[in-house]
Protein backbone atom coordinates (compact mmCIF):
# COMPACT_ATOMS: atom_id res chain seq x y z
CA MET A 1 -16.92 29.77 2.60
CA LEU A 2 -15.03 29.60 5.92
CA TYR A 3 -15.00 25.81 5.65
CA ARG A 4 -13.45 25.96 2.17
CA ILE A 5 -10.82 28.46 3.31
CA ARG A 6 -9.90 26.27 6.29
CA ARG A 7 -9.67 23.19 4.07
CA ILE A 8 -7.49 24.96 1.49
CA PHE A 9 -5.16 26.10 4.28
CA GLU A 10 -4.99 22.60 5.73
CA TRP A 11 -4.27 20.97 2.36
CA SER A 12 -1.58 23.54 1.64
CA PHE A 13 0.04 23.10 5.06
CA ILE A 14 0.05 19.28 5.12
CA SER A 15 1.08 19.04 1.46
CA ALA A 16 4.00 21.36 2.11
CA ILE A 17 5.15 19.17 5.01
CA CYS A 18 4.84 16.02 2.87
CA LEU A 19 6.88 17.58 0.08
CA MET A 20 9.46 18.84 2.58
CA LEU A 21 9.88 15.35 3.99
CA PHE A 22 10.14 13.89 0.50
CA THR A 23 12.97 16.32 -0.16
CA TYR A 24 14.53 15.85 3.26
CA SER A 25 14.60 12.08 3.00
CA ALA A 26 16.19 12.08 -0.46
CA PRO A 27 19.89 11.22 -0.16
CA ARG A 28 22.57 13.52 -1.51
CA ALA A 29 23.86 13.41 -5.09
CA THR A 30 26.58 10.93 -4.19
CA SER A 31 24.13 8.43 -2.69
CA GLN A 32 22.82 5.15 -4.07
CA PHE A 33 19.46 6.84 -4.63
CA ASP A 34 20.87 9.21 -7.23
CA ARG A 35 22.89 6.50 -8.90
CA VAL A 36 19.66 4.53 -9.33
CA SER A 37 17.71 7.56 -10.56
CA VAL A 38 19.99 7.75 -13.60
CA TYR A 39 18.04 4.72 -14.85
CA THR A 40 14.58 6.07 -13.96
CA ARG A 41 14.50 9.82 -14.65
CA ASP A 42 12.32 9.52 -17.74
CA ILE A 43 9.72 7.30 -16.06
CA GLU A 44 9.48 8.73 -12.53
CA PHE A 45 6.11 9.72 -11.12
CA ASP A 46 5.40 13.44 -10.63
CA TYR A 47 3.95 13.77 -7.12
CA ILE A 48 3.77 17.56 -7.14
CA SER A 49 1.47 17.67 -10.17
CA TRP A 50 -0.65 14.85 -8.78
CA MET A 51 -1.04 16.53 -5.38
CA LEU A 52 -2.04 19.85 -6.95
CA ASP A 53 -4.63 18.15 -9.14
CA ALA A 54 -5.94 16.02 -6.27
CA ALA A 55 -6.23 19.10 -4.02
CA ARG A 56 -8.29 20.81 -6.72
CA VAL A 57 -10.59 17.77 -6.91
CA LYS A 58 -11.03 17.67 -3.13
CA ILE A 59 -11.83 21.39 -2.95
CA GLN A 60 -14.52 20.86 -5.58
CA GLN A 61 -15.89 17.94 -3.57
CA GLY A 62 -16.06 20.11 -0.47
CA ALA A 63 -17.96 22.77 -2.37
CA VAL A 64 -20.65 20.27 -3.36
CA GLY A 65 -21.21 19.01 0.16
CA MET A 66 -23.71 16.41 -1.06
CA PRO A 67 -22.89 13.53 1.36
CA GLY A 68 -24.29 15.63 4.19
CA TYR A 69 -27.73 15.36 2.62
CA LEU A 70 -27.61 11.57 2.18
CA ASN A 71 -28.87 9.14 4.81
CA ARG A 72 -26.98 5.97 5.68
CA GLU A 73 -28.77 3.76 3.16
CA SER A 74 -28.41 6.27 0.32
CA SER A 75 -24.71 6.61 1.13
CA LYS A 76 -24.25 2.84 0.94
CA VAL A 77 -25.96 2.79 -2.46
CA VAL A 78 -23.59 5.45 -3.81
CA VAL A 79 -20.51 3.58 -2.55
CA SER A 80 -21.83 0.28 -3.94
CA ASP A 81 -22.60 1.86 -7.32
CA ASP A 82 -19.11 3.35 -7.49
CA LEU A 83 -17.50 -0.03 -6.76
CA PHE A 84 -19.71 -1.67 -9.38
CA VAL A 85 -18.73 0.88 -12.03
CA THR A 86 -15.06 0.33 -11.15
CA GLN A 87 -15.60 -3.40 -11.67
CA GLN A 88 -17.18 -2.76 -15.07
CA ILE A 89 -14.27 -0.52 -16.06
CA ASN A 90 -11.80 -3.22 -15.07
CA GLN A 91 -13.69 -5.80 -17.13
CA ALA A 92 -13.85 -3.48 -20.13
CA ASN A 93 -10.12 -2.77 -19.90
CA ASP A 94 -9.42 -6.50 -19.76
CA ALA A 95 -11.55 -7.02 -22.87
CA LEU A 96 -9.70 -4.19 -24.63
CA ASN A 97 -6.33 -5.70 -23.75
CA ARG A 98 -7.44 -9.08 -25.12
CA VAL A 99 -8.37 -7.49 -28.44
CA TYR A 100 -4.98 -5.87 -28.81
CA ALA A 101 -3.18 -9.03 -27.69
CA ASP A 102 -5.01 -11.28 -30.18
CA PRO A 103 -2.84 -11.73 -33.31
CA SER A 104 -5.83 -13.00 -35.30
CA ILE A 105 -7.56 -9.60 -35.10
CA THR A 106 -6.16 -7.40 -37.86
CA ASP A 107 -8.33 -4.29 -37.51
CA LYS A 108 -8.03 -3.73 -33.78
CA THR A 109 -9.53 -0.24 -33.91
CA ALA A 110 -12.77 -1.49 -35.45
CA ALA A 111 -12.87 -4.57 -33.24
CA SER A 112 -12.50 -2.49 -30.10
CA ALA A 113 -14.85 0.36 -31.04
CA ARG A 114 -17.75 -0.89 -28.94
CA ILE A 115 -15.52 -1.54 -25.94
CA ARG A 116 -13.94 1.92 -26.16
CA ALA A 117 -17.38 3.54 -26.37
CA GLU A 118 -18.47 1.57 -23.31
CA LEU A 119 -15.32 2.67 -21.46
CA ALA A 120 -15.98 6.30 -22.28
CA ALA A 121 -19.52 6.04 -20.89
CA LEU A 122 -18.29 4.24 -17.76
CA ASP A 123 -15.55 6.82 -17.18
CA LYS A 124 -18.15 9.58 -17.38
CA GLN A 125 -20.38 7.73 -14.92
CA GLN A 126 -17.51 7.20 -12.51
CA ALA A 127 -16.50 10.85 -12.74
CA SER A 128 -19.88 11.78 -11.26
CA LEU A 129 -20.01 8.99 -8.68
CA ALA A 130 -16.43 8.85 -7.37
CA PRO A 131 -16.28 12.30 -5.70
CA ILE A 132 -19.42 11.57 -3.69
CA ALA A 133 -18.32 8.04 -2.78
CA GLU A 134 -14.92 9.32 -1.68
CA ALA A 135 -16.50 11.98 0.51
CA ILE A 136 -18.79 9.37 2.09
CA LEU A 137 -15.92 7.01 2.89
CA GLN A 138 -13.82 9.89 4.22
CA GLY A 139 -16.63 10.76 6.60
CA GLN A 140 -17.10 7.18 7.76
CA VAL A 141 -13.39 6.56 8.40
CA SER A 142 -13.14 9.95 10.09
CA GLN A 143 -16.03 9.18 12.43
CA VAL A 144 -14.49 5.87 13.48
CA ALA A 145 -11.06 7.46 13.98
CA ALA A 146 -12.70 10.15 16.14
CA ASP A 147 -14.60 7.58 18.17
CA PHE A 148 -11.30 5.75 18.72
CA GLY A 149 -9.91 8.95 20.23
CA LEU A 150 -7.58 9.94 17.39
CA THR A 151 -8.55 13.59 17.49
CA THR A 152 -7.15 17.06 18.08
CA LEU A 153 -9.68 19.68 19.22
CA GLY A 154 -12.48 17.21 18.58
CA GLN A 155 -11.62 15.95 15.10
CA PRO A 156 -8.92 13.93 13.30
CA ILE A 157 -6.03 16.19 12.28
CA PRO A 158 -5.15 16.26 9.47
CA THR A 159 -8.63 15.80 8.05
CA ILE A 160 -9.00 12.41 6.38
CA SER A 161 -8.78 13.05 2.66
CA PHE A 162 -8.01 10.57 -0.13
CA HIS A 163 -8.32 10.27 -3.88
CA SER A 164 -8.62 6.97 -5.78
CA THR A 165 -6.45 6.85 -8.85
CA ALA A 166 -3.93 4.79 -10.76
CA VAL A 167 -1.00 4.56 -8.37
CA PRO A 168 2.68 4.42 -9.29
CA ASP A 169 4.82 1.33 -9.00
CA ALA A 170 7.96 1.50 -6.86
CA LEU A 171 11.49 0.48 -7.79
CA ILE A 172 13.08 -0.94 -4.64
CA VAL A 173 16.85 -1.34 -4.43
CA SER A 174 18.86 -3.28 -1.83
CA PRO A 175 22.55 -4.20 -1.61
CA ARG A 176 23.24 -7.82 -2.48
CA ASP A 177 25.31 -8.58 0.62
CA HIS A 178 22.57 -7.66 3.10
CA ILE A 179 18.91 -6.69 3.11
CA GLU A 180 18.27 -2.95 3.32
CA GLU A 181 16.13 -0.56 1.30
CA VAL A 182 18.60 2.01 -0.03
CA ALA A 183 16.34 3.43 -2.74
CA ASN A 184 12.59 3.58 -3.32
CA ILE A 185 11.72 5.41 -6.53
CA SER A 186 8.12 5.88 -7.70
CA LEU A 187 7.57 5.05 -11.35
CA LEU A 188 4.81 5.92 -13.79
CA PRO A 189 1.92 3.45 -13.51
CA GLY A 190 1.29 1.02 -16.32
CA LEU A 191 4.79 -0.26 -17.05
CA SER A 192 4.55 -3.72 -18.60
CA VAL A 193 6.15 -6.70 -16.90
CA ASP A 194 8.75 -6.78 -19.68
CA GLN A 195 9.61 -3.11 -19.05
CA GLN A 196 9.87 -3.74 -15.32
CA ALA A 197 12.16 -6.74 -15.79
CA ALA A 198 14.35 -4.83 -18.27
CA LEU A 199 14.72 -1.92 -15.81
CA GLU A 200 15.63 -4.28 -12.98
CA ASP A 201 18.21 -5.99 -15.17
CA ARG A 202 19.85 -2.67 -16.11
CA VAL A 203 19.97 -1.49 -12.49
CA ASP A 204 21.27 -4.83 -11.18
CA LYS A 205 24.04 -5.11 -13.74
CA GLY A 206 24.97 -1.44 -13.69
CA LEU A 207 25.18 -1.07 -9.91
CA ASN A 208 25.68 -4.66 -8.69
CA VAL A 209 22.56 -4.48 -6.53
CA SER A 210 19.27 -6.29 -6.07
CA SER A 211 16.22 -4.46 -7.43
CA LEU A 212 12.52 -5.13 -7.82
CA VAL A 213 9.56 -3.17 -9.17
CA VAL A 214 6.65 -3.67 -6.76
CA PRO A 215 2.99 -2.64 -6.93
CA ILE A 216 1.71 -0.43 -4.12
CA GLY A 217 -1.78 0.13 -2.78
CA GLY A 218 -1.46 3.73 -1.61
CA VAL A 219 0.85 6.63 -0.87
CA GLY A 220 0.78 8.87 2.21
CA VAL A 221 0.92 12.18 0.36
CA TYR A 222 -1.90 14.65 1.01
CA PRO A 223 -4.59 14.01 -0.05
CA THR A 224 -3.55 10.39 0.17
CA MET A 225 -3.36 8.38 -3.02
CA ILE A 226 -5.32 5.09 -3.01
CA MET A 227 -5.42 2.45 -5.71
CA GLN A 228 -8.76 2.00 -7.46
CA THR A 229 -10.33 -1.24 -6.29
CA THR A 230 -13.60 -3.11 -5.92
CA ASP A 231 -12.62 -4.56 -2.51
CA LEU A 232 -14.39 -2.32 0.01
CA ALA A 233 -12.77 -3.92 3.08
CA TRP A 234 -9.31 -3.39 1.62
CA LEU A 235 -10.22 0.14 0.56
CA VAL A 236 -11.33 1.41 3.98
CA SER A 237 -8.36 -0.28 5.64
CA THR A 238 -5.97 1.41 3.22
CA ILE A 239 -7.65 4.82 3.64
CA ALA A 240 -7.03 4.49 7.38
CA HIS A 241 -3.49 3.16 6.85
CA GLU A 242 -2.44 6.09 4.67
CA TRP A 243 -4.15 8.64 6.92
CA THR A 244 -2.15 7.20 9.82
CA HIS A 245 0.98 8.10 7.87
CA ASN A 246 -0.37 11.67 7.57
CA TYR A 247 -0.99 11.68 11.33
CA LEU A 248 2.53 10.44 12.05
CA THR A 249 4.04 12.93 9.61
CA LEU A 250 3.15 15.70 12.07
CA ARG A 251 5.04 13.86 14.81
CA PRO A 252 8.63 12.64 15.29
CA LEU A 253 8.11 9.03 14.18
CA GLY A 254 6.71 10.08 10.81
CA MET A 255 9.25 12.86 10.31
CA LEU A 256 12.03 10.30 10.85
CA TYR A 257 10.48 7.71 8.51
CA ASP A 258 13.65 7.25 6.42
CA ALA A 259 16.17 7.82 9.21
CA SER A 260 16.74 4.09 9.72
CA PRO A 261 15.29 0.72 8.64
CA GLU A 262 13.96 0.23 12.18
CA LEU A 263 12.03 3.51 12.13
CA ARG A 264 10.57 2.68 8.72
CA THR A 265 9.32 -0.65 10.06
CA MET A 266 7.90 1.08 13.13
CA ASN A 267 6.00 3.50 10.84
CA GLU A 268 4.63 0.87 8.48
CA THR A 269 3.69 -1.62 11.19
CA THR A 270 1.91 1.10 13.16
CA ALA A 271 -0.02 2.17 10.05
CA ASP A 272 -0.91 -1.47 9.31
CA ILE A 273 -2.26 -2.01 12.83
CA SER A 274 -4.21 1.24 12.71
CA GLY A 275 -5.59 0.55 9.25
CA THR A 276 -6.72 -2.93 10.20
CA GLU A 277 -8.50 -1.85 13.40
CA ILE A 278 -10.17 1.25 11.96
CA GLY A 279 -11.08 -0.53 8.72
CA ALA A 280 -12.66 -3.46 10.55
CA GLU A 281 -14.79 -1.09 12.62
CA VAL A 282 -15.92 0.84 9.51
CA MET A 283 -17.03 -2.42 7.90
CA LYS A 284 -18.80 -3.57 11.07
CA ARG A 285 -20.56 -0.25 11.61
CA TYR A 286 -21.51 0.81 8.09
CA TYR A 287 -21.37 -2.33 5.95
CA PRO A 288 -22.27 -5.28 8.22
CA GLU A 289 -23.86 -7.15 5.30
CA TYR A 290 -20.34 -7.78 3.98
CA GLY A 291 -19.75 -10.12 6.93
CA SER A 292 -16.40 -10.51 8.65
CA ALA A 293 -13.90 -8.38 6.75
CA SER A 294 -10.46 -9.84 6.21
CA PHE A 295 -7.43 -7.74 5.43
CA PRO A 296 -4.82 -9.78 3.51
CA ASP A 297 -1.15 -9.29 4.25
CA ALA A 298 0.30 -6.77 1.77
CA SER A 299 3.25 -8.98 0.87
CA THR A 300 0.87 -11.84 0.06
CA SER A 301 -1.74 -10.09 -2.06
CA LEU A 302 0.40 -7.55 -3.86
CA SER A 303 3.31 -9.82 -4.65
CA ALA A 304 0.90 -12.27 -6.22
CA GLY A 305 0.27 -9.92 -9.12
CA PHE A 306 -3.41 -10.79 -9.52
CA GLY A 307 -4.20 -10.98 -5.81
CA LEU A 308 -4.89 -14.72 -5.98
CA ALA A 309 -2.63 -15.31 -2.99
CA ALA A 310 -5.02 -13.39 -0.76
CA PHE A 311 -7.39 -16.35 -0.82
CA PRO A 312 -6.60 -19.48 1.21
CA ARG A 313 -6.47 -22.84 -0.51
CA ILE A 314 -9.53 -24.96 0.29
CA ILE A 315 -9.23 -28.59 1.33
CA SER A 316 -12.45 -30.55 1.78
CA ASN A 317 -13.16 -32.37 5.05
CA ALA A 318 -13.19 -35.69 3.23
CA ASP A 319 -9.59 -35.17 2.18
CA ASN A 320 -8.29 -33.93 5.50
CA ALA A 321 -6.97 -37.28 6.66
CA ALA A 322 -4.79 -37.85 3.60
CA ALA A 323 -4.05 -34.27 2.57
CA PRO A 324 -0.87 -32.52 3.66
CA PRO A 325 -1.26 -29.43 5.83
CA PRO A 326 -2.17 -26.32 3.82
CA PHE A 327 0.72 -24.15 2.66
CA ASN A 328 1.28 -21.37 5.20
CA PHE A 329 2.58 -18.36 3.29
CA ASN A 330 3.68 -16.36 6.33
CA ALA A 331 5.46 -19.25 7.98
CA GLU A 332 7.23 -20.31 4.78
CA MET A 333 8.27 -16.74 3.96
CA HIS A 334 9.58 -16.33 7.52
CA THR A 335 11.66 -19.48 7.14
CA THR A 336 12.99 -18.20 3.83
CA ARG A 337 13.99 -14.80 5.20
CA VAL A 338 15.74 -16.25 8.25
CA HIS A 339 17.83 -18.63 6.12
CA VAL A 340 18.66 -15.88 3.60
CA ASP A 341 19.85 -13.60 6.41
CA ALA A 342 22.05 -16.40 7.75
CA LEU A 343 23.63 -17.05 4.34
CA LEU A 344 24.27 -13.36 3.72
CA ALA A 345 25.83 -12.98 7.17
CA GLN A 346 28.32 -15.65 6.13
CA GLY A 347 29.09 -13.77 2.90
CA LYS A 348 27.39 -16.46 0.77
CA ILE A 349 25.63 -14.11 -1.65
CA THR A 350 25.45 -16.50 -4.63
CA GLU A 351 24.11 -19.30 -2.43
CA ALA A 352 21.48 -16.97 -0.91
CA GLU A 353 20.28 -15.88 -4.34
CA ALA A 354 20.09 -19.47 -5.58
CA TYR A 355 18.14 -20.44 -2.45
CA MET A 356 15.67 -17.57 -2.95
CA GLU A 357 14.97 -18.71 -6.50
CA GLN A 358 14.38 -22.28 -5.30
CA ARG A 359 11.98 -21.00 -2.66
CA ARG A 360 10.21 -18.74 -5.17
CA GLN A 361 9.41 -21.77 -7.30
CA ILE A 362 7.91 -23.51 -4.27
CA PHE A 363 5.70 -20.48 -3.61
CA VAL A 364 4.56 -20.49 -7.25
CA GLN A 365 3.76 -24.20 -7.07
CA ASN A 366 1.49 -23.43 -4.12
CA GLY A 367 -0.40 -20.63 -5.85
CA TYR A 368 1.64 -17.59 -4.83
CA TYR A 369 2.78 -16.09 -8.10
CA ILE A 370 5.83 -14.13 -6.98
CA ARG A 371 7.69 -12.88 -10.04
CA LYS A 372 11.02 -12.41 -8.30
CA LEU A 373 12.21 -13.20 -4.77
CA ASN A 374 15.39 -11.34 -3.89
CA GLN A 375 16.98 -8.99 -1.37
CA ALA A 376 14.88 -6.07 -2.62
CA TYR A 377 11.69 -8.07 -2.07
CA PHE A 378 12.54 -8.59 1.58
CA ALA A 379 13.76 -5.00 1.99
CA PHE A 380 10.32 -3.73 0.94
CA TYR A 381 7.84 -6.24 2.34
CA GLY A 382 9.82 -6.87 5.52
CA ALA A 383 8.79 -3.46 6.87
CA TYR A 384 5.12 -4.53 7.09
CA ALA A 385 5.21 -6.57 10.28
CA ASP A 386 1.76 -6.25 11.84
CA VAL A 387 1.35 -10.04 11.92
CA PRO A 388 3.87 -12.68 13.04
CA GLY A 389 6.08 -14.34 10.45
CA GLY A 390 6.32 -13.23 6.86
CA ALA A 391 9.04 -11.31 5.04
CA ALA A 392 10.33 -9.61 8.20
CA GLY A 393 11.94 -12.86 9.33
CA ALA A 394 13.61 -12.60 12.73
CA ASP A 395 13.61 -8.79 12.71
CA PRO A 396 12.66 -7.77 16.29
CA VAL A 397 11.02 -4.45 15.34
CA GLY A 398 7.62 -5.78 14.29
CA PRO A 399 7.14 -7.93 17.41
CA ALA A 400 8.07 -4.94 19.60
CA VAL A 401 5.48 -2.73 17.88
CA ARG A 402 2.84 -5.44 18.30
CA ALA A 403 3.82 -5.85 21.95
CA LEU A 404 3.32 -2.13 22.53
CA ARG A 405 -0.16 -2.36 20.99
CA VAL A 406 -1.06 -5.25 23.31
CA ARG A 407 0.12 -3.25 26.33
CA SER A 408 -1.82 -0.14 25.28
CA LYS A 409 -5.34 0.41 26.59
CA SER A 410 -6.58 1.67 23.20
CA LEU A 411 -5.52 2.26 19.62
CA ALA A 412 -5.20 5.99 20.32
CA ASP A 413 -3.03 5.34 23.35
CA PHE A 414 -0.78 3.10 21.25
CA ILE A 415 -0.45 5.51 18.31
CA ASN A 416 0.03 8.60 20.45
CA ARG A 417 2.78 6.86 22.40
CA ILE A 418 4.76 5.43 19.51
CA ALA A 419 4.29 8.60 17.42
CA TRP A 420 6.69 10.49 19.69
CA MET A 421 9.45 7.91 19.60
CA THR A 422 12.63 8.70 17.72
CA SER A 423 14.47 5.39 17.87
CA PHE A 424 14.02 1.64 18.18
CA ASP A 425 15.78 1.83 21.55
CA GLU A 426 12.86 3.88 22.91
CA LEU A 427 10.43 1.24 21.73
CA LYS A 428 12.45 -1.57 23.27
CA LYS A 429 12.54 0.26 26.57
CA ALA A 430 8.77 0.81 26.44
CA VAL A 431 8.11 -2.93 26.09
CA GLY A 432 10.82 -4.01 28.51
CA GLN A 433 13.30 -5.47 26.05
């Protein structure tokens, strides 16, 4: 009972802070944000309702307490079964979509009856598995975070808590004459590509801006929201990434997330580094049979739509002598961003936009199915700078964050140092720039 009371208090406290920061970071009624929201009010995601429902689910999970009675092997079986059921649900949904997309099928209800019955059974099975699997993964990530020294009074604070669900998309807006995220509005999940493109077109023409609807993998509310997936390595990395945002939210860096583009990049790059290191250790410690876990760059996998870009192209040894070097996504995207910045600095907006479209076609030809490459794309993905190159271009913030990590004796030392910074100038001073 005392445990449940403490958890309810913690969820209430952290959720209140998250909501306060959401409100605090929202620009005033005269801002670009509110001008954009005129186009999105009817399709915006309701975080308050989601957080209340997720908190209820987590309290119920805590009441069960079943993972404490499972040994390591039994826990792995539960997690594996949950991922397998998620895969079956994805396959069933794909089959259902094909039925409704096939013009030769006249009675779609009858044709899809078996699939819908299968989906109902799978949803019921997942409803019983998911809470236990989530609790297991929370415990594993929490143990690694604690062993890395990310604790207060002996445990990670806030407690690591996540809920897998359908996540919203995000409408990103940037000015056309330079790259800057001036609005980030969460939309209801499930908008079709046609609906996304139509929304972007209305916003672009109505406000003379650059906009893009992007998929996201998670949101740092509390409990954190994580996209449903069958990729365990990505899942544990993202759990740790979003929890790092919760951790930072209680400190100056997180509280100032939206105060400047530099601070946003510092937040996201720190969370990326933390998620990668904690996630890799979780995989090594609890799921070594999965081998060496790789964590694809967010701008590569998510922008590809179907995640195909997360996998490198394979060239056989026999062809190495004659084959051109493999296409390097990060390097090519870095080159693109640097040239776009140079064109925009010269006031050549039309030329920059034409160049981005030319480059987008090159990416598509090499297997990276980017729907739209524009200022908004770089404004969003450029903040994730945990690896060299990529959409950040020549932005010095990411390299400075990485330099601080290299100079830190541990992940905890790095996070606890950067968490108390309130400006990019502080970071530059810390790394001697």
